[in-house]
């Protein structure tokens, strides 16, 4: 229930007379901010519009204009269980290039084998394409690589599998702990 006050209002409004206000010049409203100019960004040749067909990493590089290579780089990693990097080498990739390459270039410089290629836009920091490539032929070892003997390759593979099993068990246990 509303509370009724016994106090007399300090001012009583006369509802018959319109309220008068001092005459002032109306202020001009500030002009609205200009509409932003939206211009479409040019599509880089390395980031084509979705056409439904996935281009290979080499096709993407081929479409990239030479002027855009300053913002792009291609990292090449060898992925082989029988070849390893030497202990004293800090970098894990074989090479990084800022020019157009193809499978033949890789074969000429690094021979055959399995390679992983990361094509990146350095300006945005994004990886445009990551792809595994199999190239026929014997490997050409880089100065920082060494061929493992079959027994050593098998031992390294076993170590990697053991590490993967351990990580899998830890993930399973973590999921169980989180579920409970």
C-alpha atoms as a PDB file:
ATOM      1  CA  UNK A   1       0.000   0.000   0.000  1.00  0.00           C
ATOM      2  CA  UNK A   2       1.439   3.428  -0.920  1.00  0.00           C
ATOM      3  CA  UNK A   3       2.411   5.652   1.901  1.00  0.00           C
ATOM      4  CA  UNK A   4       0.692   9.049   2.079  1.00  0.00           C
ATOM      5  CA  UNK A   5       2.708  11.996   3.268  1.00  0.00           C
ATOM      6  CA  UNK A   6       1.170  14.710   5.443  1.00  0.00           C
ATOM      7  CA  UNK A   7       3.732  17.252   4.320  1.00  0.00           C
ATOM      8  CA  UNK A   8       2.727  20.183   2.214  1.00  0.00           C
ATOM      9  CA  UNK A   9       4.608  20.377  -1.064  1.00  0.00           C
ATOM     10  CA  UNK A  10       7.056  23.252  -1.272  1.00  0.00           C
ATOM     11  CA  UNK A  11       5.690  24.344  -4.611  1.00  0.00           C
ATOM     12  CA  UNK A  12       2.301  23.684  -6.048  1.00  0.00           C
ATOM     13  CA  UNK A  13       2.081  23.412  -9.780  1.00  0.00           C
ATOM     14  CA  UNK A  14      -0.710  25.236 -11.503  1.00  0.00           C
ATOM     15  CA  UNK A  15      -1.837  22.782 -14.131  1.00  0.00           C
ATOM     16  CA  UNK A  16      -3.906  25.372 -16.011  1.00  0.00           C
ATOM     17  CA  UNK A  17      -0.957  27.521 -17.033  1.00  0.00           C
ATOM     18  CA  UNK A  18       1.744  26.186 -19.272  1.00  0.00           C
ATOM     19  CA  UNK A  19       5.182  26.199 -17.835  1.00  0.00           C
ATOM     20  CA  UNK A  20       7.274  29.056 -19.144  1.00  0.00           C
ATOM     21  CA  UNK A  21      10.872  28.660 -19.938  1.00  0.00           C
ATOM     22  CA  UNK A  22      13.404  31.295 -20.758  1.00  0.00           C
ATOM     23  CA  UNK A  23      13.828  31.801 -24.454  1.00  0.00           C
ATOM     24  CA  UNK A  24      17.107  30.500 -25.727  1.00  0.00           C
ATOM     25  CA  UNK A  25      18.419  29.851 -29.140  1.00  0.00           C
ATOM     26  CA  UNK A  26      18.322  26.135 -29.851  1.00  0.00           C
ATOM     27  CA  UNK A  27      21.831  24.734 -30.108  1.00  0.00           C
ATOM     28  CA  UNK A  28      22.757  23.329 -33.435  1.00  0.00           C
ATOM     29  CA  UNK A  29      23.177  19.608 -33.150  1.00  0.00           C
ATOM     30  CA  UNK A  30      26.691  18.489 -33.953  1.00  0.00           C
ATOM     31  CA  UNK A  31      26.951  16.990 -37.402  1.00  0.00           C
ATOM     32  CA  UNK A  32      26.832  13.212 -37.399  1.00  0.00           C
ATOM     33  CA  UNK A  33      30.203  11.549 -37.743  1.00  0.00           C
ATOM     34  CA  UNK A  34      31.061  10.684 -41.317  1.00  0.00           C
ATOM     35  CA  UNK A  35      30.139   7.174 -42.299  1.00  0.00           C
ATOM     36  CA  UNK A  36      33.181   4.936 -42.354  1.00  0.00           C
ATOM     37  CA  UNK A  37      34.486   4.188 -45.790  1.00  0.00           C
ATOM     38  CA  UNK A  38      34.496   0.461 -46.199  1.00  0.00           C
ATOM     39  CA  UNK A  39      36.724  -0.698 -48.963  1.00  0.00           C
ATOM     40  CA  UNK A  40      37.189  -4.381 -49.617  1.00  0.00           C
ATOM     41  CA  UNK A  41      40.657  -5.583 -48.798  1.00  0.00           C
ATOM     42  CA  UNK A  42      42.497  -7.032 -51.742  1.00  0.00           C
ATOM     43  CA  UNK A  43      42.513 -10.794 -51.585  1.00  0.00           C
ATOM     44  CA  UNK A  44      46.025 -12.116 -51.533  1.00  0.00           C
ATOM     45  CA  UNK A  45      46.726 -14.693 -54.161  1.00  0.00           C
ATOM     46  CA  UNK A  46      47.924 -16.925 -51.355  1.00  0.00           C
ATOM     47  CA  UNK A  47      44.551 -16.714 -49.644  1.00  0.00           C
ATOM     48  CA  UNK A  48      42.117 -17.273 -52.497  1.00  0.00           C
ATOM     49  CA  UNK A  49      38.390 -17.038 -52.151  1.00  0.00           C
ATOM     50  CA  UNK A  50      36.650 -20.284 -51.350  1.00  0.00           C
ATOM     51  CA  UNK A  51      36.147 -22.030 -54.674  1.00  0.00           C
ATOM     52  CA  UNK A  52      35.460 -25.451 -53.205  1.00  0.00           C
ATOM     53  CA  UNK A  53      38.774 -26.824 -54.505  1.00  0.00           C
ATOM     54  CA  UNK A  54      41.633 -27.001 -52.042  1.00  0.00           C
ATOM     55  CA  UNK A  55      44.830 -25.882 -53.710  1.00  0.00           C
ATOM     56  CA  UNK A  56      48.096 -27.606 -52.842  1.00  0.00           C
ATOM     57  CA  UNK A  57      50.768 -25.644 -51.057  1.00  0.00           C
ATOM     58  CA  UNK A  58      52.706 -25.453 -54.328  1.00  0.00           C
ATOM     59  CA  UNK A  59      49.677 -24.129 -56.239  1.00  0.00           C
ATOM     60  CA  UNK A  60      49.168 -21.459 -53.575  1.00  0.00           C
ATOM     61  CA  UNK A  61      52.789 -20.380 -53.796  1.00  0.00           C
ATOM     62  CA  UNK A  62      52.579 -20.296 -57.582  1.00  0.00           C
ATOM     63  CA  UNK A  63      49.612 -17.900 -57.405  1.00  0.00           C
ATOM     64  CA  UNK A  64      51.436 -15.518 -55.059  1.00  0.00           C
ATOM     65  CA  UNK A  65      52.747 -12.426 -56.875  1.00  0.00           C
ATOM     66  CA  UNK A  66      56.473 -11.865 -56.483  1.00  0.00           C
ATOM     67  CA  UNK A  67      55.794  -8.547 -54.736  1.00  0.00           C
ATOM     68  CA  UNK A  68      54.020 -10.380 -51.871  1.00  0.00           C
ATOM     69  CA  UNK A  69      56.866 -12.770 -51.075  1.00  0.00           C
ATOM     70  CA  UNK A  70      58.299 -10.216 -48.638  1.00  0.00           C
ATOM     71  CA  UNK A  71      55.338 -11.046 -46.349  1.00  0.00           C
ATOM     72  CA  UNK A  72      55.369 -14.832 -46.856  1.00  0.00           C
ATOM     73  CA  UNK A  73      57.698 -17.655 -45.909  1.00  0.00           C
ATOM     74  CA  UNK A  74      57.767 -21.400 -46.426  1.00  0.00           C
ATOM     75  CA  UNK A  75      59.249 -23.689 -43.737  1.00  0.00           C
ATOM     76  CA  UNK A  76      60.306 -27.193 -44.792  1.00  0.00           C
ATOM     77  CA  UNK A  77      60.705 -30.017 -42.265  1.00  0.00           C
ATOM     78  CA  UNK A  78      61.873 -33.554 -42.971  1.00  0.00           C
ATOM     79  CA  UNK A  79      59.575 -36.147 -41.365  1.00  0.00           C
ATOM     80  CA  UNK A  80      61.453 -39.430 -41.288  1.00  0.00           C
ATOM     81  CA  UNK A  81      62.095 -41.939 -38.522  1.00  0.00           C
ATOM     82  CA  UNK A  82      65.403 -42.990 -40.093  1.00  0.00           C
ATOM     83  CA  UNK A  83      66.893 -39.459 -40.251  1.00  0.00           C
ATOM     84  CA  UNK A  84      67.409 -37.207 -37.271  1.00  0.00           C
ATOM     85  CA  UNK A  85      68.860 -33.796 -36.575  1.00  0.00           C
ATOM     86  CA  UNK A  86      72.243 -33.678 -34.879  1.00  0.00           C
ATOM     87  CA  UNK A  87      72.298 -32.793 -31.181  1.00  0.00           C
ATOM     88  CA  UNK A  88      74.011 -29.424 -31.649  1.00  0.00           C
ATOM     89  CA  UNK A  89      71.359 -28.030 -33.999  1.00  0.00           C
ATOM     90  CA  UNK A  90      68.728 -25.750 -32.469  1.00  0.00           C
ATOM     91  CA  UNK A  91      66.507 -25.292 -35.512  1.00  0.00           C
ATOM     92  CA  UNK A  92      64.170 -28.118 -36.363  1.00  0.00           C
ATOM     93  CA  UNK A  93      63.296 -27.142 -39.930  1.00  0.00           C
ATOM     94  CA  UNK A  94      65.519 -27.923 -42.901  1.00  0.00           C
ATOM     95  CA  UNK A  95      65.170 -24.514 -44.441  1.00  0.00           C
ATOM     96  CA  UNK A  96      62.889 -21.539 -44.802  1.00  0.00           C
ATOM     97  CA  UNK A  97      62.484 -19.838 -48.149  1.00  0.00           C
ATOM     98  CA  UNK A  98      60.883 -16.629 -49.361  1.00  0.00           C
ATOM     99  CA  UNK A  99      60.599 -17.586 -53.015  1.00  0.00           C
ATOM    100  CA  UNK A 100      58.635 -19.969 -55.181  1.00  0.00           C
ATOM    101  CA  UNK A 101      59.587 -23.630 -54.801  1.00  0.00           C
ATOM    102  CA  UNK A 102      58.151 -26.893 -56.028  1.00  0.00           C
ATOM    103  CA  UNK A 103      58.677 -30.620 -55.427  1.00  0.00           C
ATOM    104  CA  UNK A 104      61.573 -30.665 -57.877  1.00  0.00           C
ATOM    105  CA  UNK A 105      63.370 -27.925 -55.903  1.00  0.00           C
ATOM    106  CA  UNK A 106      62.987 -29.946 -52.692  1.00  0.00           C
ATOM    107  CA  UNK A 107      64.197 -33.117 -54.438  1.00  0.00           C
ATOM    108  CA  UNK A 108      67.230 -31.338 -55.887  1.00  0.00           C
ATOM    109  CA  UNK A 109      68.232 -29.860 -52.516  1.00  0.00           C
ATOM    110  CA  UNK A 110      67.086 -32.485 -49.987  1.00  0.00           C
ATOM    111  CA  UNK A 111      66.372 -35.613 -52.010  1.00  0.00           C
ATOM    112  CA  UNK A 112      63.404 -37.855 -51.480  1.00  0.00           C
ATOM    113  CA  UNK A 113      61.409 -38.672 -48.404  1.00  0.00           C
ATOM    114  CA  UNK A 114      58.538 -37.287 -46.430  1.00  0.00           C
ATOM    115  CA  UNK A 115      58.441 -33.527 -45.894  1.00  0.00           C
ATOM    116  CA  UNK A 116      56.086 -31.238 -44.020  1.00  0.00           C
ATOM    117  CA  UNK A 117      55.646 -27.767 -45.475  1.00  0.00           C
ATOM    118  CA  UNK A 118      54.264 -24.749 -43.629  1.00  0.00           C
ATOM    119  CA  UNK A 119      53.353 -21.775 -45.823  1.00  0.00           C
ATOM    120  CA  UNK A 120      52.912 -18.712 -43.613  1.00  0.00           C
ATOM    121  CA  UNK A 121      51.893 -15.089 -43.909  1.00  0.00           C
ATOM    122  CA  UNK A 122      54.436 -13.289 -41.731  1.00  0.00           C
ATOM    123  CA  UNK A 123      52.436 -10.055 -41.669  1.00  0.00           C
ATOM    124  CA  UNK A 124      49.373 -11.655 -40.069  1.00  0.00           C
ATOM    125  CA  UNK A 125      51.251 -14.468 -38.361  1.00  0.00           C
ATOM    126  CA  UNK A 126      48.896 -17.053 -39.810  1.00  0.00           C
ATOM    127  CA  UNK A 127      49.688 -20.392 -41.358  1.00  0.00           C
ATOM    128  CA  UNK A 128      48.046 -20.398 -44.765  1.00  0.00           C
ATOM    129  CA  UNK A 129      48.686 -24.038 -45.551  1.00  0.00           C
ATOM    130  CA  UNK A 130      50.329 -27.019 -43.883  1.00  0.00           C
ATOM    131  CA  UNK A 131      50.893 -30.067 -46.025  1.00  0.00           C
ATOM    132  CA  UNK A 132      52.756 -33.381 -45.991  1.00  0.00           C
ATOM    133  CA  UNK A 133      54.565 -34.192 -49.231  1.00  0.00           C
ATOM    134  CA  UNK A 134      56.102 -37.523 -50.273  1.00  0.00           C
ATOM    135  CA  UNK A 135      58.955 -37.249 -52.772  1.00  0.00           C
ATOM    136  CA  UNK A 136      60.421 -40.331 -54.427  1.00  0.00           C
ATOM    137  CA  UNK A 137      64.147 -40.972 -54.244  1.00  0.00           C
ATOM    138  CA  UNK A 138      66.905 -41.314 -51.688  1.00  0.00           C
ATOM    139  CA  UNK A 139      67.387 -38.500 -49.188  1.00  0.00           C
ATOM    140  CA  UNK A 140      70.146 -35.916 -49.488  1.00  0.00           C
ATOM    141  CA  UNK A 141      71.192 -35.195 -45.923  1.00  0.00           C
ATOM    142  CA  UNK A 142      71.610 -31.640 -44.730  1.00  0.00           C
ATOM    143  CA  UNK A 143      74.800 -30.865 -42.795  1.00  0.00           C
ATOM    144  CA  UNK A 144      72.749 -30.972 -39.564  1.00  0.00           C
ATOM    145  CA  UNK A 145      71.155 -34.374 -40.263  1.00  0.00           C
ATOM    146  CA  UNK A 146      72.320 -37.919 -39.783  1.00  0.00           C
ATOM    147  CA  UNK A 147      71.002 -41.263 -40.972  1.00  0.00           C
ATOM    148  CA  UNK A 148      70.115 -43.649 -38.201  1.00  0.00           C
ATOM    149  CA  UNK A 149      71.087 -47.293 -38.458  1.00  0.00           C
ATOM    150  CA  UNK A 150      68.018 -49.552 -38.678  1.00  0.00           C
ATOM    151  CA  UNK A 151      68.364 -50.550 -35.020  1.00  0.00           C
ATOM    152  CA  UNK A 152      68.737 -46.912 -33.953  1.00  0.00           C
ATOM    153  CA  UNK A 153      65.771 -45.912 -36.106  1.00  0.00           C
ATOM    154  CA  UNK A 154      63.678 -48.660 -34.503  1.00  0.00           C
ATOM    155  CA  UNK A 155      64.830 -47.559 -31.039  1.00  0.00           C
ATOM    156  CA  UNK A 156      63.942 -43.939 -31.774  1.00  0.00           C
ATOM    157  CA  UNK A 157      60.546 -44.989 -33.091  1.00  0.00           C
ATOM    158  CA  UNK A 158      59.984 -47.028 -29.929  1.00  0.00           C
ATOM    159  CA  UNK A 159      60.908 -44.002 -27.758  1.00  0.00           C
ATOM    160  CA  UNK A 160      58.478 -41.808 -29.700  1.00  0.00           C
ATOM    161  CA  UNK A 161      55.719 -44.415 -29.383  1.00  0.00           C
ATOM    162  CA  UNK A 162      56.370 -44.752 -25.635  1.00  0.00           C
ATOM    163  CA  UNK A 163      56.122 -40.988 -25.245  1.00  0.00           C
ATOM    164  CA  UNK A 164      52.869 -40.958 -27.224  1.00  0.00           C
ATOM    165  CA  UNK A 165      51.479 -43.798 -25.069  1.00  0.00           C
ATOM    166  CA  UNK A 166      52.418 -41.880 -21.915  1.00  0.00           C
ATOM    167  CA  UNK A 167      50.749 -38.689 -23.184  1.00  0.00           C
ATOM    168  CA  UNK A 168      47.641 -40.680 -24.132  1.00  0.00           C
ATOM    169  CA  UNK A 169      47.458 -42.274 -20.675  1.00  0.00           C
ATOM    170  CA  UNK A 170      47.846 -38.857 -19.032  1.00  0.00           C
ATOM    171  CA  UNK A 171      45.059 -37.448 -21.221  1.00  0.00           C
ATOM    172  CA  UNK A 172      42.769 -40.353 -20.377  1.00  0.00           C
ATOM    173  CA  UNK A 173      43.498 -39.971 -16.653  1.00  0.00           C
ATOM    174  CA  UNK A 174      42.934 -36.215 -16.840  1.00  0.00           C
ATOM    175  CA  UNK A 175      39.591 -36.766 -18.587  1.00  0.00           C
ATOM    176  CA  UNK A 176      38.571 -39.288 -15.906  1.00  0.00           C
ATOM    177  CA  UNK A 177      39.580 -36.908 -13.107  1.00  0.00           C
ATOM    178  CA  UNK A 178      37.701 -34.065 -14.739  1.00  0.00           C
ATOM    179  CA  UNK A 179      34.593 -36.211 -15.241  1.00  0.00           C
ATOM    180  CA  UNK A 180      34.499 -37.321 -11.565  1.00  0.00           C
END
